[in-house]
C-alpha atoms as a PDB file:
ATOM      1  CA  MET A   1       0.000   0.000   0.000  1.00  0.00           C
ATOM      2  CA  LYS A   2       1.199   3.502  -0.806  1.00  0.00           C
ATOM      3  CA  ALA A   3       0.324   6.600   1.207  1.00  0.00           C
ATOM      4  CA  ILE A   4       1.297  10.128   0.212  1.00  0.00           C
ATOM      5  CA  GLN A   5       1.501  12.851   2.825  1.00  0.00           C
ATOM      6  CA  PRO A   6       3.322  16.120   3.406  1.00  0.00           C
ATOM      7  CA  GLY A   7       6.319  16.114   5.702  1.00  0.00           C
ATOM      8  CA  LYS A   8       9.705  17.606   6.413  1.00  0.00           C
ATOM      9  CA  LEU A   9      13.239  16.393   5.812  1.00  0.00           C
ATOM     10  CA  LEU A  10      15.782  17.370   8.461  1.00  0.00           C
ATOM     11  CA  ARG A  11      19.370  17.182   7.227  1.00  0.00           C
ATOM     12  CA  ILE A  12      22.132  17.553   9.837  1.00  0.00           C
ATOM     13  CA  PHE A  13      25.790  18.033   8.849  1.00  0.00           C
ATOM     14  CA  VAL A  14      28.399  17.079  11.473  1.00  0.00           C
ATOM     15  CA  GLY A  15      31.889  15.609  11.666  1.00  0.00           C
ATOM     16  CA  GLU A  16      32.575  11.922  12.065  1.00  0.00           C
ATOM     17  CA  LEU A  17      34.489  12.553  15.313  1.00  0.00           C
ATOM     18  CA  ASP A  18      31.855  14.797  16.936  1.00  0.00           C
ATOM     19  CA  MET A  19      30.701  13.201  20.181  1.00  0.00           C
ATOM     20  CA  HIS A  20      27.670  13.409  22.472  1.00  0.00           C
ATOM     21  CA  ALA A  21      26.950  11.419  25.630  1.00  0.00           C
ATOM     22  CA  GLY A  22      30.050   9.270  25.108  1.00  0.00           C
ATOM     23  CA  GLN A  23      29.251   8.134  21.567  1.00  0.00           C
ATOM     24  CA  PRO A  24      29.534   9.516  18.042  1.00  0.00           C
ATOM     25  CA  LEU A  25      27.039  12.364  17.585  1.00  0.00           C
ATOM     26  CA  TYR A  26      25.619  10.933  14.354  1.00  0.00           C
ATOM     27  CA  GLN A  27      24.930   7.633  16.128  1.00  0.00           C
ATOM     28  CA  TRP A  28      23.317   9.378  19.100  1.00  0.00           C
ATOM     29  CA  LEU A  29      21.083  11.417  16.761  1.00  0.00           C
ATOM     30  CA  ILE A  30      19.878   8.309  14.916  1.00  0.00           C
ATOM     31  CA  GLU A  31      19.208   6.462  18.167  1.00  0.00           C
ATOM     32  CA  GLU A  32      17.370   9.484  19.603  1.00  0.00           C
ATOM     33  CA  ALA A  33      15.261   9.783  16.455  1.00  0.00           C
ATOM     34  CA  ARG A  34      14.307   6.137  16.904  1.00  0.00           C
ATOM     35  CA  ARG A  35      13.513   6.656  20.606  1.00  0.00           C
ATOM     36  CA  GLN A  36      11.305   9.599  19.621  1.00  0.00           C
ATOM     37  CA  GLY A  37       9.454   7.375  17.140  1.00  0.00           C
ATOM     38  CA  LEU A  38      10.408   9.325  14.012  1.00  0.00           C
ATOM     39  CA  ALA A  39       9.602   7.637  10.703  1.00  0.00           C
ATOM     40  CA  GLY A  40      13.180   7.061   9.558  1.00  0.00           C
ATOM     41  CA  ALA A  41      16.775   8.230   9.828  1.00  0.00           C
ATOM     42  CA  THR A  42      19.959   7.535   7.884  1.00  0.00           C
ATOM     43  CA  ALA A  43      23.593   8.558   8.384  1.00  0.00           C
ATOM     44  CA  LEU A  44      25.653   9.092   5.237  1.00  0.00           C
ATOM     45  CA  ARG A  45      29.452   9.319   5.392  1.00  0.00           C
ATOM     46  CA  GLY A  46      30.924  11.855   2.989  1.00  0.00           C
ATOM     47  CA  LEU A  47      33.945  11.295   0.757  1.00  0.00           C
ATOM     48  CA  GLU A  48      35.102  14.874   1.010  1.00  0.00           C
ATOM     49  CA  GLY A  49      33.971  18.169   2.453  1.00  0.00           C
ATOM     50  CA  TYR A  50      34.651  21.147   4.662  1.00  0.00           C
ATOM     51  CA  GLY A  51      32.758  23.087   7.265  1.00  0.00           C
ATOM     52  CA  ALA A  52      32.834  26.342   9.183  1.00  0.00           C
ATOM     53  CA  HIS A  53      36.631  26.292   9.628  1.00  0.00           C
ATOM     54  CA  ARG A  54      37.208  25.620   5.908  1.00  0.00           C
ATOM     55  CA  GLU A  55      39.523  22.693   6.696  1.00  0.00           C
ATOM     56  CA  MET A  56      39.286  20.053   3.964  1.00  0.00           C
ATOM     57  CA  HIS A  57      38.416  16.506   5.064  1.00  0.00           C
ATOM     58  CA  THR A  58      38.893  13.825   2.424  1.00  0.00           C
ATOM     59  CA  THR A  59      39.328  10.107   1.834  1.00  0.00           C
ATOM     60  CA  LYS A  60      42.103  10.703  -0.719  1.00  0.00           C
ATOM     61  CA  VAL A  61      45.196   8.702   0.173  1.00  0.00           C
ATOM     62  CA  LEU A  62      47.618  11.591  -0.309  1.00  0.00           C
ATOM     63  CA  ARG A  63      45.586  13.784   2.041  1.00  0.00           C
ATOM     64  CA  LEU A  64      44.539  11.165   4.583  1.00  0.00           C
ATOM     65  CA  SER A  65      42.012  12.703   6.918  1.00  0.00           C
ATOM     66  CA  VAL A  66      39.954  11.708   9.857  1.00  0.00           C
ATOM     67  CA  ASP A  67      36.737  13.414  10.871  1.00  0.00           C
ATOM     68  CA  LEU A  68      35.008  12.947   7.530  1.00  0.00           C
ATOM     69  CA  PRO A  69      31.669  14.694   7.006  1.00  0.00           C
ATOM     70  CA  VAL A  70      28.526  12.863   8.086  1.00  0.00           C
ATOM     71  CA  VAL A  71      25.025  13.833   6.987  1.00  0.00           C
ATOM     72  CA  ILE A  72      22.062  12.580   8.987  1.00  0.00           C
ATOM     73  CA  GLU A  73      18.724  12.645   7.189  1.00  0.00           C
ATOM     74  CA  ILE A  74      15.488  12.302   9.135  1.00  0.00           C
ATOM     75  CA  CYS A  75      12.032  12.443   7.573  1.00  0.00           C
ATOM     76  CA  ASP A  76       8.648  12.697   9.286  1.00  0.00           C
ATOM     77  CA  SER A  77       5.679  15.019   9.746  1.00  0.00           C
ATOM     78  CA  ALA A  78       6.361  18.740  10.109  1.00  0.00           C
ATOM     79  CA  GLU A  79       5.326  18.684  13.767  1.00  0.00           C
ATOM     80  CA  ARG A  80       7.590  15.780  14.695  1.00  0.00           C
ATOM     81  CA  ILE A  81      10.599  17.224  12.834  1.00  0.00           C
ATOM     82  CA  ASP A  82      10.064  20.622  14.487  1.00  0.00           C
ATOM     83  CA  ALA A  83      10.009  18.946  17.913  1.00  0.00           C
ATOM     84  CA  PHE A  84      13.176  16.958  17.142  1.00  0.00           C
ATOM     85  CA  LEU A  85      14.924  20.096  15.915  1.00  0.00           C
ATOM     86  CA  LEU A  86      14.575  21.530  19.439  1.00  0.00           C
ATOM     87  CA  ILE A  87      16.652  18.587  20.717  1.00  0.00           C
ATOM     88  CA  VAL A  88      19.213  19.124  17.956  1.00  0.00           C
ATOM     89  CA  ASP A  89      19.456  22.832  18.822  1.00  0.00           C
ATOM     90  CA  ASN A  90      20.428  21.946  22.378  1.00  0.00           C
ATOM     91  CA  ILE A  91      23.145  19.378  21.666  1.00  0.00           C
ATOM     92  CA  ILE A  92      25.040  20.473  18.549  1.00  0.00           C
ATOM     93  CA  ASP A  93      27.882  22.887  19.230  1.00  0.00           C
ATOM     94  CA  GLU A  94      29.151  23.082  15.667  1.00  0.00           C
ATOM     95  CA  GLY A  95      27.506  21.953  12.461  1.00  0.00           C
ATOM     96  CA  LEU A  96      24.611  22.790  10.192  1.00  0.00           C
ATOM     97  CA  ALA A  97      20.990  21.706   9.952  1.00  0.00           C
ATOM     98  CA  THR A  98      18.588  22.296   7.079  1.00  0.00           C
ATOM     99  CA  VAL A  99      14.868  21.637   6.869  1.00  0.00           C
ATOM    100  CA  GLU A 100      12.910  21.096   3.670  1.00  0.00           C
ATOM    101  CA  ARG A 101       9.249  20.521   3.005  1.00  0.00           C
ATOM    102  CA  VAL A 102       8.795  17.195   1.232  1.00  0.00           C
ATOM    103  CA  GLU A 103       6.089  14.986  -0.178  1.00  0.00           C
ATOM    104  CA  MET A 104       6.504  11.622   1.515  1.00  0.00           C
ATOM    105  CA  HIS A 105       5.564   8.452  -0.338  1.00  0.00           C
ATOM    106  CA  LEU A 106       5.184   5.755   2.298  1.00  0.00           C
ATOM    107  CA  TYR A 107       5.242   2.156   1.085  1.00  0.00           C
ATOM    108  CA  ARG A 108       4.017  -0.422   3.583  1.00  0.00           C
ATOM    109  CA  LYS A 109       2.562  -3.892   3.500  1.00  0.00           C
ATOM    110  CA  ASP A 110      -0.811  -4.277   5.184  1.00  0.00           C
END
């Protein structure tokens, strides 16, 4: 069965080495999204990027880097994303978050 509904996509950009509560921040965010009952969350590890300090982080062998970029994407209703964003606002010291309105196509078996 397919259901279509409006929602929001929260995209959070952090570093691989960013920590919160004794674990990687990206992992904590995904686990917290699950605890909050959000529809879905995924962490994507970047090949290359830079942030506020303009320091390049890359997987290239000649410029071996740690702290690669990680993007966490979380999708749910506007209300649930807005509530989760309040949690994000309180725990992220450095990073970026974006929010987009989306049309969610939910595919589920009955």
